[in-house]
Amino acid sequence: MFLTLIAVFAAGFAGAGLAMALRFSFKALPKWIVPLFAGCAMIAATISTEYTWYNNTSDSLPEGMEVIATREHSAWWQPWSFVRPYTDGFIALDTASARDHAELPDVQLVNLYVYGRWAAITEVPMAVNCVEAQQMTLIDLPDLSPEALESANWVALREDDPLNAALCEGSTG
């Protein structure tokens, strides 16, 4: 957030500098053009950082991380976002650390990472059973024993769920 603030201020100074150069070149330009250019440059820099955040963040993910879902954003105080919403969050699946449960071969243990613009990254350990088409978070589970997993609250894994498409495609479930 701090670097974004610095970038916005730098854009404001650049916009004001451009307007001042234009005023020196064309004497007929009014004084109010300097803050106008500064403000427009700051708004443009803010919009640019909002629209490029997803690409910059997803491109910097380590090897083995796969984006499986995105969240787009529109707001009334950002009217340009109604024309083209921007991505302000996504979920990445860590395929590199996905593993089968030692005692339950149908259960895969994976980590999901929830990224959000202006939010800390959240790690969500998951158990997925592709054969039974079920999933559950492992956050409140005390251990990964077969008894604990079998007695836990599993949730149906929808066919259109991105986790299903990323993990279970081609399975017998």
N, C-alpha and C. Protein backbone atom coordinates (compact mmCIF):
# COMPACT_ATOMS: atom_id res chain seq x y z
N MET A 1 0.82 -1.17 0.00
CA MET A 1 0.00 0.00 0.00
C MET A 1 0.88 1.25 0.00
N PHE A 2 1.99 1.19 0.73
CA PHE A 2 2.87 2.35 0.80
C PHE A 2 3.47 2.67 -0.56
N LEU A 3 3.87 1.63 -1.29
CA LEU A 3 4.45 1.86 -2.62
C LEU A 3 3.41 2.43 -3.59
N THR A 4 2.17 2.01 -3.45
CA THR A 4 1.10 2.56 -4.29
C THR A 4 0.91 4.04 -3.99
N LEU A 5 0.96 4.39 -2.72
CA LEU A 5 0.84 5.79 -2.33
C LEU A 5 1.99 6.63 -2.91
N ILE A 6 3.18 6.10 -2.85
CA ILE A 6 4.35 6.80 -3.42
C ILE A 6 4.16 6.96 -4.93
N ALA A 7 3.70 5.90 -5.60
CA ALA A 7 3.50 5.96 -7.05
C ALA A 7 2.44 7.00 -7.42
N VAL A 8 1.37 7.08 -6.63
CA VAL A 8 0.31 8.06 -6.90
C VAL A 8 0.84 9.48 -6.71
N PHE A 9 1.60 9.71 -5.64
CA PHE A 9 2.19 11.04 -5.43
C PHE A 9 3.17 11.39 -6.55
N ALA A 10 3.98 10.42 -6.97
CA ALA A 10 4.92 10.67 -8.07
C ALA A 10 4.17 11.02 -9.35
N ALA A 11 3.07 10.32 -9.61
CA ALA A 11 2.26 10.64 -10.79
C ALA A 11 1.68 12.04 -10.68
N GLY A 12 1.26 12.44 -9.48
CA GLY A 12 0.75 13.79 -9.28
C GLY A 12 1.81 14.85 -9.57
N PHE A 13 3.02 14.63 -9.08
CA PHE A 13 4.11 15.56 -9.36
C PHE A 13 4.44 15.60 -10.85
N ALA A 14 4.41 14.44 -11.49
CA ALA A 14 4.68 14.40 -12.93
C ALA A 14 3.59 15.14 -13.71
N GLY A 15 2.34 14.94 -13.33
CA GLY A 15 1.25 15.64 -13.99
C GLY A 15 1.34 17.14 -13.80
N ALA A 16 1.67 17.57 -12.57
CA ALA A 16 1.83 19.00 -12.31
C ALA A 16 3.01 19.56 -13.09
N GLY A 17 4.09 18.79 -13.17
CA GLY A 17 5.25 19.23 -13.94
C GLY A 17 4.94 19.40 -15.41
N LEU A 18 4.18 18.48 -15.96
CA LEU A 18 3.78 18.58 -17.36
C LEU A 18 2.92 19.82 -17.58
N ALA A 19 1.98 20.05 -16.66
CA ALA A 19 1.12 21.23 -16.80
C ALA A 19 1.92 22.52 -16.67
N MET A 20 2.89 22.54 -15.78
CA MET A 20 3.73 23.74 -15.64
C MET A 20 4.56 23.98 -16.89
N ALA A 21 5.06 22.91 -17.49
CA ALA A 21 5.81 23.04 -18.74
C ALA A 21 4.91 23.59 -19.85
N LEU A 22 3.68 23.12 -19.89
CA LEU A 22 2.73 23.63 -20.88
C LEU A 22 2.40 25.10 -20.63
N ARG A 23 2.27 25.48 -19.36
CA ARG A 23 1.97 26.88 -19.03
C ARG A 23 3.14 27.80 -19.44
N PHE A 24 4.36 27.32 -19.25
CA PHE A 24 5.51 28.13 -19.66
C PHE A 24 5.59 28.24 -21.18
N SER A 25 5.18 27.17 -21.87
CA SER A 25 5.23 27.19 -23.34
C SER A 25 4.08 28.00 -23.94
N PHE A 26 2.91 27.85 -23.35
CA PHE A 26 1.73 28.55 -23.85
C PHE A 26 1.20 29.46 -22.74
N LYS A 27 1.52 30.70 -22.78
CA LYS A 27 1.22 31.65 -21.71
C LYS A 27 -0.28 31.84 -21.47
N ALA A 28 -1.11 31.48 -22.44
CA ALA A 28 -2.55 31.72 -22.31
C ALA A 28 -3.25 30.67 -21.43
N LEU A 29 -2.56 29.61 -21.04
CA LEU A 29 -3.20 28.57 -20.23
C LEU A 29 -3.43 29.09 -18.81
N PRO A 30 -4.59 28.76 -18.21
CA PRO A 30 -4.90 29.24 -16.86
C PRO A 30 -4.09 28.51 -15.79
N LYS A 31 -4.02 29.10 -14.61
CA LYS A 31 -3.25 28.53 -13.50
C LYS A 31 -3.86 27.22 -12.98
N TRP A 32 -5.18 27.10 -13.07
CA TRP A 32 -5.84 25.93 -12.52
C TRP A 32 -5.53 24.65 -13.30
N ILE A 33 -4.84 24.77 -14.41
CA ILE A 33 -4.50 23.57 -15.18
C ILE A 33 -3.47 22.70 -14.44
N VAL A 34 -2.65 23.32 -13.58
CA VAL A 34 -1.63 22.56 -12.84
C VAL A 34 -2.29 21.56 -11.86
N PRO A 35 -3.17 21.98 -10.96
CA PRO A 35 -3.80 20.98 -10.08
C PRO A 35 -4.71 20.02 -10.84
N LEU A 36 -5.29 20.48 -11.95
CA LEU A 36 -6.12 19.58 -12.76
C LEU A 36 -5.28 18.43 -13.31
N PHE A 37 -4.12 18.75 -13.89
CA PHE A 37 -3.25 17.71 -14.43
C PHE A 37 -2.73 16.81 -13.31
N ALA A 38 -2.39 17.40 -12.16
CA ALA A 38 -1.90 16.60 -11.03
C ALA A 38 -2.98 15.62 -10.56
N GLY A 39 -4.19 16.11 -10.40
CA GLY A 39 -5.29 15.25 -9.96
C GLY A 39 -5.61 14.15 -10.96
N CYS A 40 -5.65 14.51 -12.23
CA CYS A 40 -5.93 13.51 -13.27
C CYS A 40 -4.83 12.45 -13.32
N ALA A 41 -3.58 12.86 -13.17
CA ALA A 41 -2.48 11.90 -13.17
C ALA A 41 -2.57 10.97 -11.96
N MET A 42 -2.97 11.51 -10.81
CA MET A 42 -3.10 10.68 -9.60
C MET A 42 -4.24 9.68 -9.75
N ILE A 43 -5.36 10.12 -10.32
CA ILE A 43 -6.48 9.21 -10.55
C ILE A 43 -6.08 8.13 -11.56
N ALA A 44 -5.39 8.51 -12.62
CA ALA A 44 -4.95 7.54 -13.63
C ALA A 44 -3.99 6.52 -13.02
N ALA A 45 -3.08 6.97 -12.15
CA ALA A 45 -2.15 6.04 -11.50
C ALA A 45 -2.89 5.08 -10.58
N THR A 46 -3.88 5.58 -9.86
CA THR A 46 -4.67 4.72 -8.98
C THR A 46 -5.43 3.67 -9.78
N ILE A 47 -6.07 4.10 -10.84
CA ILE A 47 -6.81 3.16 -11.70
C ILE A 47 -5.86 2.12 -12.28
N SER A 48 -4.72 2.57 -12.72
CA SER A 48 -3.74 1.65 -13.31
C SER A 48 -3.29 0.59 -12.31
N THR A 49 -3.01 1.00 -11.07
CA THR A 49 -2.57 0.01 -10.08
C THR A 49 -3.69 -0.97 -9.74
N GLU A 50 -4.94 -0.51 -9.74
CA GLU A 50 -6.05 -1.42 -9.47
C GLU A 50 -6.18 -2.47 -10.57
N TYR A 51 -6.07 -2.05 -11.80
CA TYR A 51 -6.26 -2.98 -12.93
C TYR A 51 -5.05 -3.88 -13.16
N THR A 52 -3.86 -3.50 -12.73
CA THR A 52 -2.68 -4.34 -12.97
C THR A 52 -2.32 -5.21 -11.77
N TRP A 53 -2.98 -5.02 -10.63
CA TRP A 53 -2.64 -5.78 -9.43
C TRP A 53 -2.75 -7.29 -9.67
N TYR A 54 -3.85 -7.74 -10.24
CA TYR A 54 -4.05 -9.18 -10.43
C TYR A 54 -2.97 -9.79 -11.31
N ASN A 55 -2.71 -9.19 -12.46
CA ASN A 55 -1.69 -9.75 -13.36
C ASN A 55 -0.32 -9.76 -12.70
N ASN A 56 0.04 -8.68 -12.03
CA ASN A 56 1.34 -8.62 -11.37
C ASN A 56 1.46 -9.66 -10.26
N THR A 57 0.40 -9.84 -9.49
CA THR A 57 0.44 -10.79 -8.38
C THR A 57 0.39 -12.22 -8.88
N SER A 58 -0.48 -12.52 -9.81
CA SER A 58 -0.57 -13.91 -10.30
C SER A 58 0.67 -14.31 -11.09
N ASP A 59 1.29 -13.37 -11.78
CA ASP A 59 2.52 -13.69 -12.51
C ASP A 59 3.70 -13.96 -11.57
N SER A 60 3.62 -13.46 -10.35
CA SER A 60 4.72 -13.66 -9.41
C SER A 60 4.52 -14.86 -8.49
N LEU A 61 3.47 -15.64 -8.72
CA LEU A 61 3.25 -16.83 -7.91
C LEU A 61 4.36 -17.84 -8.15
N PRO A 62 4.74 -18.58 -7.11
CA PRO A 62 5.80 -19.58 -7.30
C PRO A 62 5.32 -20.74 -8.18
N GLU A 63 6.27 -21.52 -8.64
CA GLU A 63 5.99 -22.70 -9.45
C GLU A 63 5.10 -23.65 -8.67
N GLY A 64 4.08 -24.19 -9.32
CA GLY A 64 3.18 -25.13 -8.67
C GLY A 64 1.92 -24.49 -8.11
N MET A 65 1.80 -23.17 -8.22
CA MET A 65 0.59 -22.48 -7.78
C MET A 65 -0.28 -22.21 -9.00
N GLU A 66 -1.54 -22.59 -8.91
CA GLU A 66 -2.47 -22.44 -10.02
C GLU A 66 -3.68 -21.64 -9.56
N VAL A 67 -3.99 -20.55 -10.27
CA VAL A 67 -5.16 -19.75 -9.95
C VAL A 67 -6.40 -20.52 -10.39
N ILE A 68 -7.32 -20.75 -9.43
CA ILE A 68 -8.51 -21.53 -9.78
C ILE A 68 -9.79 -20.69 -9.74
N ALA A 69 -9.75 -19.51 -9.13
CA ALA A 69 -10.94 -18.66 -9.08
C ALA A 69 -10.52 -17.21 -8.91
N THR A 70 -11.30 -16.30 -9.49
CA THR A 70 -11.03 -14.87 -9.34
C THR A 70 -12.31 -14.17 -8.88
N ARG A 71 -12.12 -12.99 -8.30
CA ARG A 71 -13.26 -12.18 -7.85
C ARG A 71 -13.13 -10.79 -8.49
N GLU A 72 -14.16 -10.39 -9.21
CA GLU A 72 -14.14 -9.07 -9.85
C GLU A 72 -14.88 -8.06 -8.98
N HIS A 73 -14.51 -6.80 -9.15
CA HIS A 73 -15.02 -5.75 -8.28
C HIS A 73 -15.55 -4.58 -9.10
N SER A 74 -16.69 -4.06 -8.68
CA SER A 74 -17.26 -2.81 -9.19
C SER A 74 -17.82 -2.06 -7.99
N ALA A 75 -17.72 -0.73 -8.03
CA ALA A 75 -18.24 0.08 -6.94
C ALA A 75 -18.72 1.42 -7.47
N TRP A 76 -19.70 2.00 -6.80
CA TRP A 76 -20.27 3.26 -7.28
C TRP A 76 -19.25 4.39 -7.21
N TRP A 77 -18.31 4.34 -6.26
CA TRP A 77 -17.31 5.41 -6.17
C TRP A 77 -16.16 5.23 -7.17
N GLN A 78 -16.21 4.14 -7.91
CA GLN A 78 -15.27 3.89 -9.00
C GLN A 78 -16.09 3.62 -10.27
N PRO A 79 -16.66 4.67 -10.86
CA PRO A 79 -17.60 4.46 -11.97
C PRO A 79 -16.99 3.74 -13.16
N TRP A 80 -15.69 3.86 -13.37
CA TRP A 80 -15.03 3.16 -14.48
C TRP A 80 -15.09 1.64 -14.29
N SER A 81 -15.27 1.19 -13.05
CA SER A 81 -15.31 -0.25 -12.81
C SER A 81 -16.62 -0.88 -13.27
N PHE A 82 -17.64 -0.07 -13.55
CA PHE A 82 -18.87 -0.61 -14.13
C PHE A 82 -18.69 -0.87 -15.62
N VAL A 83 -17.82 -0.12 -16.25
CA VAL A 83 -17.52 -0.35 -17.66
C VAL A 83 -16.67 -1.62 -17.80
N ARG A 84 -15.65 -1.73 -16.94
CA ARG A 84 -14.78 -2.90 -16.95
C ARG A 84 -14.37 -3.21 -15.51
N PRO A 85 -15.03 -4.18 -14.87
CA PRO A 85 -14.66 -4.53 -13.50
C PRO A 85 -13.21 -5.02 -13.44
N TYR A 86 -12.57 -4.81 -12.30
CA TYR A 86 -11.20 -5.29 -12.14
C TYR A 86 -11.18 -6.41 -11.11
N THR A 87 -10.15 -7.24 -11.19
CA THR A 87 -10.00 -8.37 -10.29
C THR A 87 -9.32 -7.89 -9.02
N ASP A 88 -10.02 -8.07 -7.89
CA ASP A 88 -9.43 -7.63 -6.62
C ASP A 88 -9.20 -8.79 -5.65
N GLY A 89 -9.33 -10.02 -6.14
CA GLY A 89 -9.05 -11.19 -5.31
C GLY A 89 -9.04 -12.46 -6.14
N PHE A 90 -8.32 -13.44 -5.64
CA PHE A 90 -8.30 -14.73 -6.32
C PHE A 90 -7.89 -15.82 -5.35
N ILE A 91 -8.16 -17.05 -5.75
CA ILE A 91 -7.78 -18.23 -4.97
C ILE A 91 -6.79 -19.03 -5.80
N ALA A 92 -5.67 -19.38 -5.17
CA ALA A 92 -4.65 -20.18 -5.84
C ALA A 92 -4.53 -21.53 -5.14
N LEU A 93 -4.41 -22.58 -5.93
CA LEU A 93 -4.23 -23.94 -5.44
C LEU A 93 -2.75 -24.28 -5.52
N ASP A 94 -2.21 -24.76 -4.42
CA ASP A 94 -0.81 -25.18 -4.39
C ASP A 94 -0.74 -26.64 -4.85
N THR A 95 -0.58 -26.83 -6.15
CA THR A 95 -0.55 -28.19 -6.70
C THR A 95 0.75 -28.91 -6.34
N ALA A 96 1.80 -28.16 -6.07
CA ALA A 96 3.09 -28.76 -5.74
C ALA A 96 3.04 -29.49 -4.41
N SER A 97 2.23 -29.02 -3.46
CA SER A 97 2.18 -29.67 -2.15
C SER A 97 0.97 -30.59 -2.00
N ALA A 98 0.17 -30.76 -3.05
CA ALA A 98 -0.99 -31.66 -2.97
C ALA A 98 -0.49 -33.09 -2.77
N ARG A 99 -1.15 -33.80 -1.86
CA ARG A 99 -0.73 -35.17 -1.58
C ARG A 99 -1.94 -36.02 -1.20
N ASP A 100 -1.82 -37.31 -1.38
CA ASP A 100 -2.87 -38.23 -0.96
C ASP A 100 -2.71 -38.50 0.52
N HIS A 101 -3.85 -38.72 1.20
CA HIS A 101 -3.81 -39.10 2.61
C HIS A 101 -3.21 -40.50 2.69
N ALA A 102 -2.35 -40.73 3.66
CA ALA A 102 -1.64 -42.01 3.78
C ALA A 102 -2.58 -43.19 3.97
N GLU A 103 -3.67 -42.99 4.74
CA GLU A 103 -4.56 -44.10 5.06
C GLU A 103 -5.89 -44.07 4.32
N LEU A 104 -6.21 -42.95 3.68
CA LEU A 104 -7.44 -42.82 2.90
C LEU A 104 -7.05 -42.43 1.47
N PRO A 105 -6.87 -43.38 0.58
CA PRO A 105 -6.33 -43.08 -0.75
C PRO A 105 -7.23 -42.20 -1.62
N ASP A 106 -8.53 -42.12 -1.29
CA ASP A 106 -9.42 -41.27 -2.08
C ASP A 106 -9.37 -39.81 -1.65
N VAL A 107 -8.72 -39.52 -0.53
CA VAL A 107 -8.68 -38.15 0.02
C VAL A 107 -7.35 -37.50 -0.34
N GLN A 108 -7.47 -36.30 -0.93
CA GLN A 108 -6.28 -35.50 -1.23
C GLN A 108 -6.21 -34.33 -0.25
N LEU A 109 -5.02 -34.03 0.22
CA LEU A 109 -4.79 -32.90 1.11
C LEU A 109 -4.10 -31.80 0.31
N VAL A 110 -4.71 -30.63 0.28
CA VAL A 110 -4.18 -29.52 -0.52
C VAL A 110 -4.23 -28.23 0.30
N ASN A 111 -3.51 -27.24 -0.16
CA ASN A 111 -3.56 -25.91 0.43
C ASN A 111 -4.08 -24.93 -0.60
N LEU A 112 -5.06 -24.15 -0.19
CA LEU A 112 -5.55 -23.04 -1.01
C LEU A 112 -5.04 -21.75 -0.39
N TYR A 113 -4.74 -20.79 -1.24
CA TYR A 113 -4.30 -19.47 -0.77
C TYR A 113 -5.26 -18.43 -1.31
N VAL A 114 -5.84 -17.65 -0.41
CA VAL A 114 -6.79 -16.62 -0.79
C VAL A 114 -6.06 -15.28 -0.80
N TYR A 115 -5.99 -14.67 -1.97
CA TYR A 115 -5.34 -13.38 -2.16
C TYR A 115 -6.41 -12.31 -2.32
N GLY A 116 -6.19 -11.17 -1.72
CA GLY A 116 -7.11 -10.05 -1.87
C GLY A 116 -6.34 -8.75 -1.96
N ARG A 117 -6.83 -7.86 -2.76
CA ARG A 117 -6.22 -6.52 -2.85
C ARG A 117 -6.38 -5.87 -1.49
N TRP A 118 -5.34 -5.37 -0.91
CA TRP A 118 -5.32 -4.72 0.40
C TRP A 118 -5.64 -5.69 1.54
N ALA A 119 -5.39 -6.98 1.35
CA ALA A 119 -5.65 -7.96 2.40
C ALA A 119 -4.47 -8.92 2.51
N ALA A 120 -4.29 -9.46 3.69
CA ALA A 120 -3.23 -10.46 3.89
C ALA A 120 -3.61 -11.76 3.19
N ILE A 121 -2.60 -12.49 2.78
CA ILE A 121 -2.83 -13.79 2.14
C ILE A 121 -3.27 -14.78 3.22
N THR A 122 -4.32 -15.54 2.92
CA THR A 122 -4.85 -16.51 3.87
C THR A 122 -4.63 -17.92 3.32
N GLU A 123 -4.03 -18.77 4.13
CA GLU A 123 -3.84 -20.17 3.75
C GLU A 123 -4.99 -20.99 4.30
N VAL A 124 -5.60 -21.82 3.44
CA VAL A 124 -6.72 -22.66 3.85
C VAL A 124 -6.39 -24.11 3.50
N PRO A 125 -6.03 -24.92 4.50
CA PRO A 125 -5.80 -26.35 4.22
C PRO A 125 -7.14 -27.04 3.96
N MET A 126 -7.16 -27.87 2.94
CA MET A 126 -8.40 -28.54 2.52
C MET A 126 -8.16 -30.04 2.36
N ALA A 127 -9.23 -30.78 2.53
CA ALA A 127 -9.28 -32.19 2.18
C ALA A 127 -10.33 -32.34 1.11
N VAL A 128 -9.99 -33.06 0.05
CA VAL A 128 -10.91 -33.23 -1.07
C VAL A 128 -11.00 -34.73 -1.37
N ASN A 129 -12.23 -35.21 -1.46
CA ASN A 129 -12.48 -36.58 -1.84
C ASN A 129 -13.17 -36.56 -3.20
N CYS A 130 -12.41 -36.81 -4.26
CA CYS A 130 -12.96 -36.74 -5.61
C CYS A 130 -13.93 -37.88 -5.90
N VAL A 131 -13.71 -39.03 -5.29
CA VAL A 131 -14.58 -40.19 -5.53
C VAL A 131 -15.98 -39.92 -4.97
N GLU A 132 -16.05 -39.37 -3.77
CA GLU A 132 -17.33 -39.06 -3.13
C GLU A 132 -17.83 -37.66 -3.46
N ALA A 133 -17.03 -36.88 -4.19
CA ALA A 133 -17.34 -35.49 -4.55
C ALA A 133 -17.63 -34.66 -3.30
N GLN A 134 -16.65 -34.66 -2.37
CA GLN A 134 -16.79 -33.93 -1.12
C GLN A 134 -15.52 -33.14 -0.83
N GLN A 135 -15.69 -32.09 -0.02
CA GLN A 135 -14.56 -31.28 0.41
C GLN A 135 -14.80 -30.79 1.83
N MET A 136 -13.71 -30.39 2.49
CA MET A 136 -13.84 -29.75 3.79
C MET A 136 -12.55 -29.01 4.12
N THR A 137 -12.70 -27.98 4.93
CA THR A 137 -11.52 -27.27 5.41
C THR A 137 -10.97 -28.00 6.62
N LEU A 138 -9.67 -27.93 6.78
CA LEU A 138 -9.02 -28.63 7.89
C LEU A 138 -8.61 -27.67 9.00
N ILE A 139 -9.14 -26.47 8.99
CA ILE A 139 -8.71 -25.45 9.94
C ILE A 139 -9.02 -25.87 11.38
N ASP A 140 -10.20 -26.35 11.65
CA ASP A 140 -10.60 -26.69 13.01
C ASP A 140 -10.45 -28.18 13.34
N LEU A 141 -9.87 -28.94 12.44
CA LEU A 141 -9.71 -30.37 12.68
C LEU A 141 -8.46 -30.61 13.52
N PRO A 142 -8.58 -31.33 14.65
CA PRO A 142 -7.43 -31.50 15.53
C PRO A 142 -6.32 -32.37 14.93
N ASP A 143 -6.70 -33.36 14.16
CA ASP A 143 -5.68 -34.22 13.52
C ASP A 143 -6.21 -34.74 12.20
N LEU A 144 -5.36 -35.40 11.45
CA LEU A 144 -5.74 -35.92 10.13
C LEU A 144 -5.93 -37.43 10.14
N SER A 145 -6.29 -37.98 11.30
CA SER A 145 -6.51 -39.42 11.38
C SER A 145 -7.75 -39.80 10.56
N PRO A 146 -7.80 -41.03 10.09
CA PRO A 146 -8.98 -41.46 9.32
C PRO A 146 -10.29 -41.30 10.10
N GLU A 147 -10.25 -41.54 11.41
CA GLU A 147 -11.45 -41.41 12.23
C GLU A 147 -11.92 -39.96 12.28
N ALA A 148 -10.97 -39.04 12.44
CA ALA A 148 -11.33 -37.62 12.50
C ALA A 148 -11.88 -37.14 11.16
N LEU A 149 -11.28 -37.59 10.07
CA LEU A 149 -11.75 -37.18 8.75
C LEU A 149 -13.13 -37.77 8.43
N GLU A 150 -13.34 -39.02 8.79
CA GLU A 150 -14.61 -39.66 8.48
C GLU A 150 -15.76 -39.09 9.31
N SER A 151 -15.48 -38.61 10.52
CA SER A 151 -16.55 -38.08 11.38
C SER A 151 -16.73 -36.57 11.18
N ALA A 152 -15.91 -35.94 10.38
CA ALA A 152 -15.99 -34.49 10.17
C ALA A 152 -17.13 -34.15 9.21
N ASN A 153 -17.45 -32.87 9.16
CA ASN A 153 -18.53 -32.39 8.28
C ASN A 153 -17.99 -32.12 6.88
N TRP A 154 -18.27 -33.02 5.99
CA TRP A 154 -17.87 -32.85 4.59
C TRP A 154 -18.97 -32.06 3.88
N VAL A 155 -18.58 -31.31 2.88
CA VAL A 155 -19.50 -30.51 2.08
C VAL A 155 -19.45 -31.04 0.66
N ALA A 156 -20.59 -31.11 0.02
CA ALA A 156 -20.64 -31.60 -1.37
C ALA A 156 -19.80 -30.71 -2.27
N LEU A 157 -19.05 -31.33 -3.14
CA LEU A 157 -18.21 -30.63 -4.11
C LEU A 157 -19.01 -30.50 -5.40
N ARG A 158 -19.38 -29.26 -5.72
CA ARG A 158 -20.20 -29.03 -6.92
C ARG A 158 -19.41 -29.38 -8.18
N GLU A 159 -20.13 -29.76 -9.21
CA GLU A 159 -19.48 -30.07 -10.49
C GLU A 159 -18.77 -28.87 -11.08
N ASP A 160 -19.35 -27.66 -10.88
CA ASP A 160 -18.75 -26.46 -11.45
C ASP A 160 -17.76 -25.78 -10.51
N ASP A 161 -17.46 -26.42 -9.38
CA ASP A 161 -16.49 -25.85 -8.44
C ASP A 161 -15.10 -25.86 -9.08
N PRO A 162 -14.39 -24.73 -9.01
CA PRO A 162 -13.05 -24.70 -9.62
C PRO A 162 -12.07 -25.68 -8.97
N LEU A 163 -12.28 -26.00 -7.70
CA LEU A 163 -11.43 -27.00 -7.03
C LEU A 163 -11.66 -28.37 -7.64
N ASN A 164 -12.91 -28.67 -7.98
CA ASN A 164 -13.25 -29.93 -8.65
C ASN A 164 -12.55 -30.01 -10.00
N ALA A 165 -12.61 -28.93 -10.77
CA ALA A 165 -11.98 -28.92 -12.08
C ALA A 165 -10.46 -29.06 -11.98
N ALA A 166 -9.86 -28.46 -10.96
CA ALA A 166 -8.40 -28.48 -10.84
C ALA A 166 -7.88 -29.81 -10.30
N LEU A 167 -8.61 -30.44 -9.40
CA LEU A 167 -8.11 -31.66 -8.75
C LEU A 167 -8.73 -32.95 -9.26
N CYS A 168 -10.01 -32.91 -9.56
CA CYS A 168 -10.74 -34.15 -9.77
C CYS A 168 -11.02 -34.49 -11.22
N GLU A 169 -10.64 -33.68 -12.14
CA GLU A 169 -10.89 -33.97 -13.55
C GLU A 169 -10.22 -35.29 -13.92
N GLY A 170 -11.02 -36.16 -14.49
CA GLY A 170 -10.47 -37.45 -14.91
C GLY A 170 -10.53 -38.51 -13.83
N SER A 171 -11.02 -38.16 -12.61
CA SER A 171 -11.12 -39.17 -11.57
C SER A 171 -12.41 -39.96 -11.75
N THR A 172 -12.59 -40.98 -10.97
CA THR A 172 -13.77 -41.84 -11.10
C THR A 172 -15.00 -41.23 -10.46
N GLY A 173 -14.86 -40.11 -9.73
CA GLY A 173 -15.99 -39.50 -9.03
C GLY A 173 -16.74 -38.68 -9.90
